[in-house]
Amino acid sequence: VGLLAGSFCPHYNGEETRQPIFVDAIGRGDLPSGFGVDDGAAIHWVDGQPKAYIADTVHTKVYRVADSLSPTSSGVTVEPQKMKVV
């Protein structure tokens, strides 16, 4: 849509193949770095920047998925964000 920079994968934990396809696409350079968001999680954006990561349970996460300068098997780092459970 172009409203925010980067890529976005909703339902990150909702389908078995969704996470590896998203990570592989970033690793290949087909998609820019972005966020994978589990069912029941959200990102609160302010002025184009993520300000809060919100979840409905302690097990629900938002992940920053980005190209890695460090050696990884996929060439990508997947970093869970600090969540606010509401």
PDB file of N, CA and C in Angstrom:
ATOM      1  N   VAL A   1       0.829  -1.183   0.000  1.00  0.00           N
ATOM      2  CA  VAL A   1       0.000   0.000   0.000  1.00  0.00           C
ATOM      3  C   VAL A   1       0.876   1.251   0.000  1.00  0.00           C
ATOM      4  N   GLY A   2       2.082   1.157   0.589  1.00  0.00           N
ATOM      5  CA  GLY A   2       2.999   2.276   0.570  1.00  0.00           C
ATOM      6  C   GLY A   2       2.804   3.298   1.672  1.00  0.00           C
ATOM      7  N   LEU A   3       1.954   3.001   2.641  1.00  0.00           N
ATOM      8  CA  LEU A   3       1.753   3.950   3.732  1.00  0.00           C
ATOM      9  C   LEU A   3       2.910   3.947   4.720  1.00  0.00           C
ATOM     10  N   LEU A   4       3.536   2.788   4.897  1.00  0.00           N
ATOM     11  CA  LEU A   4       4.657   2.637   5.818  1.00  0.00           C
ATOM     12  C   LEU A   4       5.811   1.963   5.089  1.00  0.00           C
ATOM     13  N   ALA A   5       7.024   2.265   5.502  1.00  0.00           N
ATOM     14  CA  ALA A   5       8.201   1.667   4.871  1.00  0.00           C
ATOM     15  C   ALA A   5       8.370   0.216   5.316  1.00  0.00           C
ATOM     16  N   GLY A   6       8.917  -0.616   4.439  1.00  0.00           N
ATOM     17  CA  GLY A   6       9.236  -1.994   4.787  1.00  0.00           C
ATOM     18  C   GLY A   6       8.137  -2.962   4.395  1.00  0.00           C
ATOM     19  N   SER A   7       8.322  -4.204   4.830  1.00  0.00           N
ATOM     20  CA  SER A   7       7.351  -5.258   4.528  1.00  0.00           C
ATOM     21  C   SER A   7       6.595  -5.645   5.793  1.00  0.00           C
ATOM     22  N   PHE A   8       5.489  -6.366   5.594  1.00  0.00           N
ATOM     23  CA  PHE A   8       4.622  -6.724   6.707  1.00  0.00           C
ATOM     24  C   PHE A   8       3.987  -8.077   6.418  1.00  0.00           C
ATOM     25  N   CYS A   9       4.022  -8.952   7.418  1.00  0.00           N
ATOM     26  CA  CYS A   9       3.416 -10.271   7.284  1.00  0.00           C
ATOM     27  C   CYS A   9       2.423 -10.482   8.423  1.00  0.00           C
ATOM     28  N   PRO A  10       1.107 -10.334   8.148  1.00  0.00           N
ATOM     29  CA  PRO A  10       0.114 -10.639   9.174  1.00  0.00           C
ATOM     30  C   PRO A  10      -0.020 -12.143   9.344  1.00  0.00           C
ATOM     31  N   HIS A  11      -0.646 -12.568  10.416  1.00  0.00           N
ATOM     32  CA  HIS A  11      -0.896 -14.000  10.673  1.00  0.00           C
ATOM     33  C   HIS A  11       0.405 -14.805  10.651  1.00  0.00           C
ATOM     34  N   TYR A  12       1.474 -14.216  11.178  1.00  0.00           N
ATOM     35  CA  TYR A  12       2.814 -14.815  11.122  1.00  0.00           C
ATOM     36  C   TYR A  12       2.836 -16.227  11.700  1.00  0.00           C
ATOM     37  N   ASN A  13       2.034 -16.457  12.734  1.00  0.00           N
ATOM     38  CA  ASN A  13       1.965 -17.787  13.344  1.00  0.00           C
ATOM     39  C   ASN A  13       0.707 -18.544  12.925  1.00  0.00           C
ATOM     40  N   GLY A  14      -0.085 -17.971  12.048  1.00  0.00           N
ATOM     41  CA  GLY A  14      -1.387 -18.533  11.733  1.00  0.00           C
ATOM     42  C   GLY A  14      -1.392 -19.607  10.669  1.00  0.00           C
ATOM     43  N   GLU A  15      -0.352 -19.663   9.860  1.00  0.00           N
ATOM     44  CA  GLU A  15      -0.255 -20.661   8.803  1.00  0.00           C
ATOM     45  C   GLU A  15       1.153 -21.233   8.810  1.00  0.00           C
ATOM     46  N   GLU A  16       1.255 -22.527   8.669  1.00  0.00           N
ATOM     47  CA  GLU A  16       2.536 -23.231   8.785  1.00  0.00           C
ATOM     48  C   GLU A  16       3.612 -22.700   7.832  1.00  0.00           C
ATOM     49  N   THR A  17       3.255 -22.334   6.622  1.00  0.00           N
ATOM     50  CA  THR A  17       4.258 -21.931   5.631  1.00  0.00           C
ATOM     51  C   THR A  17       4.496 -20.425   5.574  1.00  0.00           C
ATOM     52  N   ARG A  18       3.675 -19.653   6.256  1.00  0.00           N
ATOM     53  CA  ARG A  18       3.770 -18.193   6.141  1.00  0.00           C
ATOM     54  C   ARG A  18       5.115 -17.655   6.628  1.00  0.00           C
ATOM     55  N   GLN A  19       5.567 -18.064   7.804  1.00  0.00           N
ATOM     56  CA  GLN A  19       6.823 -17.558   8.370  1.00  0.00           C
ATOM     57  C   GLN A  19       8.025 -17.887   7.473  1.00  0.00           C
ATOM     58  N   PRO A  20       8.233 -19.149   7.058  1.00  0.00           N
ATOM     59  CA  PRO A  20       9.414 -19.421   6.229  1.00  0.00           C
ATOM     60  C   PRO A  20       9.375 -18.724   4.871  1.00  0.00           C
ATOM     61  N   ILE A  21       8.211 -18.563   4.282  1.00  0.00           N
ATOM     62  CA  ILE A  21       8.118 -17.859   2.996  1.00  0.00           C
ATOM     63  C   ILE A  21       8.509 -16.397   3.162  1.00  0.00           C
ATOM     64  N   PHE A  22       8.036 -15.750   4.223  1.00  0.00           N
ATOM     65  CA  PHE A  22       8.364 -14.347   4.487  1.00  0.00           C
ATOM     66  C   PHE A  22       9.858 -14.171   4.744  1.00  0.00           C
ATOM     67  N   VAL A  23      10.417 -15.014   5.607  1.00  0.00           N
ATOM     68  CA  VAL A  23      11.847 -14.936   5.932  1.00  0.00           C
ATOM     69  C   VAL A  23      12.692 -15.185   4.676  1.00  0.00           C
ATOM     70  N   ASP A  24      12.341 -16.180   3.885  1.00  0.00           N
ATOM     71  CA  ASP A  24      13.094 -16.473   2.659  1.00  0.00           C
ATOM     72  C   ASP A  24      13.033 -15.310   1.669  1.00  0.00           C
ATOM     73  N   ALA A  25      11.871 -14.675   1.540  1.00  0.00           N
ATOM     74  CA  ALA A  25      11.735 -13.546   0.617  1.00  0.00           C
ATOM     75  C   ALA A  25      12.622 -12.381   1.028  1.00  0.00           C
ATOM     76  N   ILE A  26      12.740 -12.128   2.320  1.00  0.00           N
ATOM     77  CA  ILE A  26      13.634 -11.073   2.794  1.00  0.00           C
ATOM     78  C   ILE A  26      15.087 -11.483   2.570  1.00  0.00           C
ATOM     79  N   GLY A  27      15.413 -12.741   2.853  1.00  0.00           N
ATOM     80  CA  GLY A  27      16.775 -13.228   2.650  1.00  0.00           C
ATOM     81  C   GLY A  27      17.231 -13.152   1.200  1.00  0.00           C
ATOM     82  N   ARG A  28      16.318 -13.392   0.270  1.00  0.00           N
ATOM     83  CA  ARG A  28      16.638 -13.320  -1.167  1.00  0.00           C
ATOM     84  C   ARG A  28      16.667 -11.883  -1.685  1.00  0.00           C
ATOM     85  N   GLY A  29      16.129 -10.951  -0.901  1.00  0.00           N
ATOM     86  CA  GLY A  29      16.055  -9.561  -1.344  1.00  0.00           C
ATOM     87  C   GLY A  29      14.793  -9.245  -2.131  1.00  0.00           C
ATOM     88  N   ASP A  30      13.840 -10.188  -2.163  1.00  0.00           N
ATOM     89  CA  ASP A  30      12.577  -9.943  -2.853  1.00  0.00           C
ATOM     90  C   ASP A  30      11.698  -8.968  -2.082  1.00  0.00           C
ATOM     91  N   LEU A  31      11.844  -8.941  -0.761  1.00  0.00           N
ATOM     92  CA  LEU A  31      11.118  -8.007   0.104  1.00  0.00           C
ATOM     93  C   LEU A  31      12.114  -7.261   0.978  1.00  0.00           C
ATOM     94  N   PRO A  32      11.815  -6.010   1.348  1.00  0.00           N
ATOM     95  CA  PRO A  32      12.677  -5.308   2.306  1.00  0.00           C
ATOM     96  C   PRO A  32      12.424  -5.842   3.717  1.00  0.00           C
ATOM     97  N   SER A  33      13.296  -5.507   4.633  1.00  0.00           N
ATOM     98  CA  SER A  33      13.096  -5.862   6.037  1.00  0.00           C
ATOM     99  C   SER A  33      11.733  -5.370   6.495  1.00  0.00           C
ATOM    100  N   GLY A  34      11.173  -6.052   7.506  1.00  0.00           N
ATOM    101  CA  GLY A  34       9.847  -5.652   7.965  1.00  0.00           C
ATOM    102  C   GLY A  34       9.450  -6.349   9.250  1.00  0.00           C
ATOM    103  N   PHE A  35       8.156  -6.577   9.407  1.00  0.00           N
ATOM    104  CA  PHE A  35       7.617  -7.154  10.631  1.00  0.00           C
ATOM    105  C   PHE A  35       6.730  -8.346  10.318  1.00  0.00           C
ATOM    106  N   GLY A  36       6.868  -9.398  11.132  1.00  0.00           N
ATOM    107  CA  GLY A  36       5.943 -10.516  11.152  1.00  0.00           C
ATOM    108  C   GLY A  36       5.107 -10.383  12.412  1.00  0.00           C
ATOM    109  N   VAL A  37       3.780 -10.436  12.259  1.00  0.00           N
ATOM    110  CA  VAL A  37       2.877 -10.172  13.385  1.00  0.00           C
ATOM    111  C   VAL A  37       1.951 -11.364  13.583  1.00  0.00           C
ATOM    112  N   ASP A  38       2.049 -11.971  14.773  1.00  0.00           N
ATOM    113  CA  ASP A  38       1.191 -13.102  15.115  1.00  0.00           C
ATOM    114  C   ASP A  38      -0.272 -12.684  15.171  1.00  0.00           C
ATOM    115  N   ASP A  39      -1.168 -13.665  15.049  1.00  0.00           N
ATOM    116  CA  ASP A  39      -2.591 -13.422  15.285  1.00  0.00           C
ATOM    117  C   ASP A  39      -2.740 -12.900  16.716  1.00  0.00           C
ATOM    118  N   GLY A  40      -3.495 -11.844  16.906  1.00  0.00           N
ATOM    119  CA  GLY A  40      -3.700 -11.278  18.240  1.00  0.00           C
ATOM    120  C   GLY A  40      -2.658 -10.250  18.639  1.00  0.00           C
ATOM    121  N   ALA A  41      -1.818  -9.823  17.699  1.00  0.00           N
ATOM    122  CA  ALA A  41      -0.797  -8.809  17.982  1.00  0.00           C
ATOM    123  C   ALA A  41      -0.962  -7.647  17.009  1.00  0.00           C
ATOM    124  N   ALA A  42      -0.378  -6.502  17.379  1.00  0.00           N
ATOM    125  CA  ALA A  42      -0.466  -5.314  16.533  1.00  0.00           C
ATOM    126  C   ALA A  42       0.735  -4.415  16.781  1.00  0.00           C
ATOM    127  N   ILE A  43       0.954  -3.519  15.840  1.00  0.00           N
ATOM    128  CA  ILE A  43       1.984  -2.486  15.975  1.00  0.00           C
ATOM    129  C   ILE A  43       1.273  -1.142  15.998  1.00  0.00           C
ATOM    130  N   HIS A  44       1.620  -0.311  16.979  1.00  0.00           N
ATOM    131  CA  HIS A  44       1.091   1.052  17.040  1.00  0.00           C
ATOM    132  C   HIS A  44       2.132   1.962  16.393  1.00  0.00           C
ATOM    133  N   TRP A  45       1.763   2.564  15.275  1.00  0.00           N
ATOM    134  CA  TRP A  45       2.655   3.435  14.515  1.00  0.00           C
ATOM    135  C   TRP A  45       2.331   4.890  14.813  1.00  0.00           C
ATOM    136  N   VAL A  46       3.365   5.727  14.952  1.00  0.00           N
ATOM    137  CA  VAL A  46       3.208   7.171  15.105  1.00  0.00           C
ATOM    138  C   VAL A  46       4.226   7.829  14.183  1.00  0.00           C
ATOM    139  N   ASP A  47       3.738   8.659  13.290  1.00  0.00           N
ATOM    140  CA  ASP A  47       4.605   9.376  12.336  1.00  0.00           C
ATOM    141  C   ASP A  47       5.543   8.424  11.594  1.00  0.00           C
ATOM    142  N   GLY A  48       5.011   7.279  11.173  1.00  0.00           N
ATOM    143  CA  GLY A  48       5.786   6.335  10.376  1.00  0.00           C
ATOM    144  C   GLY A  48       6.773   5.485  11.150  1.00  0.00           C
ATOM    145  N   GLN A  49       6.753   5.566  12.477  1.00  0.00           N
ATOM    146  CA  GLN A  49       7.672   4.790  13.316  1.00  0.00           C
ATOM    147  C   GLN A  49       6.874   3.906  14.280  1.00  0.00           C
ATOM    148  N   PRO A  50       7.336   2.654  14.496  1.00  0.00           N
ATOM    149  CA  PRO A  50       6.650   1.820  15.496  1.00  0.00           C
ATOM    150  C   PRO A  50       6.914   2.352  16.897  1.00  0.00           C
ATOM    151  N   LYS A  51       5.835   2.584  17.654  1.00  0.00           N
ATOM    152  CA  LYS A  51       5.961   3.127  19.012  1.00  0.00           C
ATOM    153  C   LYS A  51       5.622   2.098  20.079  1.00  0.00           C
ATOM    154  N   ALA A  52       4.797   1.094  19.746  1.00  0.00           N
ATOM    155  CA  ALA A  52       4.430   0.068  20.723  1.00  0.00           C
ATOM    156  C   ALA A  52       4.042  -1.204  19.984  1.00  0.00           C
ATOM    157  N   TYR A  53       4.306  -2.322  20.647  1.00  0.00           N
ATOM    158  CA  TYR A  53       3.949  -3.644  20.138  1.00  0.00           C
ATOM    159  C   TYR A  53       2.957  -4.221  21.141  1.00  0.00           C
ATOM    160  N   ILE A  54       1.749  -4.507  20.680  1.00  0.00           N
ATOM    161  CA  ILE A  54       0.637  -4.840  21.561  1.00  0.00           C
ATOM    162  C   ILE A  54       0.179  -6.265  21.284  1.00  0.00           C
ATOM    163  N   ALA A  55      -0.137  -7.007  22.368  1.00  0.00           N
ATOM    164  CA  ALA A  55      -0.572  -8.398  22.237  1.00  0.00           C
ATOM    165  C   ALA A  55      -1.745  -8.680  23.155  1.00  0.00           C
ATOM    166  N   ASP A  56      -2.524  -9.698  22.771  1.00  0.00           N
ATOM    167  CA  ASP A  56      -3.644 -10.086  23.626  1.00  0.00           C
ATOM    168  C   ASP A  56      -3.268 -11.165  24.634  1.00  0.00           C
ATOM    169  N   THR A  57      -2.115 -11.829  24.472  1.00  0.00           N
ATOM    170  CA  THR A  57      -1.606 -12.809  25.438  1.00  0.00           C
ATOM    171  C   THR A  57      -0.089 -12.695  25.519  1.00  0.00           C
ATOM    172  N   VAL A  58       0.501 -13.302  26.535  1.00  0.00           N
ATOM    173  CA  VAL A  58       1.962 -13.262  26.684  1.00  0.00           C
ATOM    174  C   VAL A  58       2.668 -14.092  25.612  1.00  0.00           C
ATOM    175  N   HIS A  59       1.956 -14.950  24.927  1.00  0.00           N
ATOM    176  CA  HIS A  59       2.561 -15.811  23.907  1.00  0.00           C
ATOM    177  C   HIS A  59       2.467 -15.225  22.506  1.00  0.00           C
ATOM    178  N   THR A  60       1.788 -14.111  22.359  1.00  0.00           N
ATOM    179  CA  THR A  60       1.602 -13.465  21.063  1.00  0.00           C
ATOM    180  C   THR A  60       2.719 -12.448  20.867  1.00  0.00           C
ATOM    181  N   LYS A  61       3.311 -12.445  19.658  1.00  0.00           N
ATOM    182  CA  LYS A  61       4.496 -11.617  19.426  1.00  0.00           C
ATOM    183  C   LYS A  61       4.430 -10.844  18.111  1.00  0.00           C
ATOM    184  N   VAL A  62       5.274  -9.819  18.047  1.00  0.00           N
ATOM    185  CA  VAL A  62       5.645  -9.130  16.820  1.00  0.00           C
ATOM    186  C   VAL A  62       7.138  -9.370  16.658  1.00  0.00           C
ATOM    187  N   TYR A  63       7.578  -9.681  15.452  1.00  0.00           N
ATOM    188  CA  TYR A  63       8.989  -9.960  15.177  1.00  0.00           C
ATOM    189  C   TYR A  63       9.510  -8.967  14.146  1.00  0.00           C
ATOM    190  N   ARG A  64      10.680  -8.423  14.417  1.00  0.00           N
ATOM    191  CA  ARG A  64      11.400  -7.624  13.417  1.00  0.00           C
ATOM    192  C   ARG A  64      12.188  -8.627  12.584  1.00  0.00           C
ATOM    193  N   VAL A  65      11.941  -8.647  11.292  1.00  0.00           N
ATOM    194  CA  VAL A  65      12.588  -9.581  10.375  1.00  0.00           C
ATOM    195  C   VAL A  65      13.439  -8.745   9.423  1.00  0.00           C
ATOM    196  N   ALA A  66      14.770  -8.938   9.479  1.00  0.00           N
ATOM    197  CA  ALA A  66      15.663  -8.047   8.742  1.00  0.00           C
ATOM    198  C   ALA A  66      16.865  -8.785   8.185  1.00  0.00           C
ATOM    199  N   ASP A  67      17.429  -8.217   7.128  1.00  0.00           N
ATOM    200  CA  ASP A  67      18.707  -8.710   6.615  1.00  0.00           C
ATOM    201  C   ASP A  67      19.717  -8.706   7.747  1.00  0.00           C
ATOM    202  N   SER A  68      20.610  -9.688   7.755  1.00  0.00           N
ATOM    203  CA  SER A  68      21.592  -9.800   8.826  1.00  0.00           C
ATOM    204  C   SER A  68      22.999  -9.588   8.298  1.00  0.00           C
ATOM    205  N   LEU A  69      23.763  -8.809   9.019  1.00  0.00           N
ATOM    206  CA  LEU A  69      25.177  -8.670   8.702  1.00  0.00           C
ATOM    207  C   LEU A  69      25.974  -9.820   9.307  1.00  0.00           C
ATOM    208  N   SER A  70      25.416 -10.453  10.338  1.00  0.00           N
ATOM    209  CA  SER A  70      26.048 -11.612  10.968  1.00  0.00           C
ATOM    210  C   SER A  70      25.673 -12.860  10.183  1.00  0.00           C
ATOM    211  N   PRO A  71      26.548 -13.864  10.167  1.00  0.00           N
ATOM    212  CA  PRO A  71      26.206 -15.089   9.445  1.00  0.00           C
ATOM    213  C   PRO A  71      25.035 -15.817  10.107  1.00  0.00           C
ATOM    214  N   THR A  72      23.993 -16.067   9.342  1.00  0.00           N
ATOM    215  CA  THR A  72      22.868 -16.890   9.784  1.00  0.00           C
ATOM    216  C   THR A  72      22.534 -17.844   8.644  1.00  0.00           C
ATOM    217  N   SER A  73      21.825 -18.916   8.956  1.00  0.00           N
ATOM    218  CA  SER A  73      21.517 -19.888   7.905  1.00  0.00           C
ATOM    219  C   SER A  73      20.626 -19.285   6.825  1.00  0.00           C
ATOM    220  N   SER A  74      19.757 -18.343   7.186  1.00  0.00           N
ATOM    221  CA  SER A  74      18.851 -17.743   6.211  1.00  0.00           C
ATOM    222  C   SER A  74      19.341 -16.386   5.699  1.00  0.00           C
ATOM    223  N   GLY A  75      20.362 -15.815   6.354  1.00  0.00           N
ATOM    224  CA  GLY A  75      20.797 -14.465   6.011  1.00  0.00           C
ATOM    225  C   GLY A  75      19.905 -13.395   6.604  1.00  0.00           C
ATOM    226  N   VAL A  76      19.034 -13.818   7.523  1.00  0.00           N
ATOM    227  CA  VAL A  76      18.028 -12.925   8.098  1.00  0.00           C
ATOM    228  C   VAL A  76      18.033 -13.095   9.615  1.00  0.00           C
ATOM    229  N   THR A  77      17.780 -11.999  10.341  1.00  0.00           N
ATOM    230  CA  THR A  77      17.557 -12.103  11.786  1.00  0.00           C
ATOM    231  C   THR A  77      16.070 -11.918  12.055  1.00  0.00           C
ATOM    232  N   VAL A  78      15.572 -12.706  12.988  1.00  0.00           N
ATOM    233  CA  VAL A  78      14.175 -12.621  13.415  1.00  0.00           C
ATOM    234  C   VAL A  78      14.209 -12.317  14.901  1.00  0.00           C
ATOM    235  N   GLU A  79      13.837 -11.087  15.254  1.00  0.00           N
ATOM    236  CA  GLU A  79      13.976 -10.609  16.629  1.00  0.00           C
ATOM    237  C   GLU A  79      12.609 -10.270  17.230  1.00  0.00           C
ATOM    238  N   PRO A  80      12.184 -11.014  18.277  1.00  0.00           N
ATOM    239  CA  PRO A  80      10.926 -10.663  18.931  1.00  0.00           C
ATOM    240  C   PRO A  80      11.031  -9.294  19.601  1.00  0.00           C
ATOM    241  N   GLN A  81       9.960  -8.530  19.522  1.00  0.00           N
ATOM    242  CA  GLN A  81       9.921  -7.202  20.108  1.00  0.00           C
ATOM    243  C   GLN A  81       9.331  -7.278  21.521  1.00  0.00           C
ATOM    244  N   LYS A  82       9.610  -6.274  22.314  1.00  0.00           N
ATOM    245  CA  LYS A  82       9.068  -6.209  23.667  1.00  0.00           C
ATOM    246  C   LYS A  82       7.588  -5.863  23.578  1.00  0.00           C
ATOM    247  N   MET A  83       6.751  -6.768  24.078  1.00  0.00           N
ATOM    248  CA  MET A  83       5.309  -6.650  23.912  1.00  0.00           C
ATOM    249  C   MET A  83       4.635  -6.021  25.129  1.00  0.00           C
ATOM    250  N   LYS A  84       3.561  -5.299  24.862  1.00  0.00           N
ATOM    251  CA  LYS A  84       2.673  -4.806  25.911  1.00  0.00           C
ATOM    252  C   LYS A  84       1.396  -5.637  25.808  1.00  0.00           C
ATOM    253  N   VAL A  85       1.096  -6.406  26.844  1.00  0.00           N
ATOM    254  CA  VAL A  85      -0.102  -7.255  26.830  1.00  0.00           C
ATOM    255  C   VAL A  85      -1.278  -6.454  27.372  1.00  0.00           C
ATOM    256  N   VAL A  86      -2.346  -6.424  26.596  1.00  0.00           N
ATOM    257  CA  VAL A  86      -3.553  -5.683  27.013  1.00  0.00           C
ATOM    258  C   VAL A  86      -4.746  -6.616  27.070  1.00  0.00           C
TER     259      VAL A  86
END
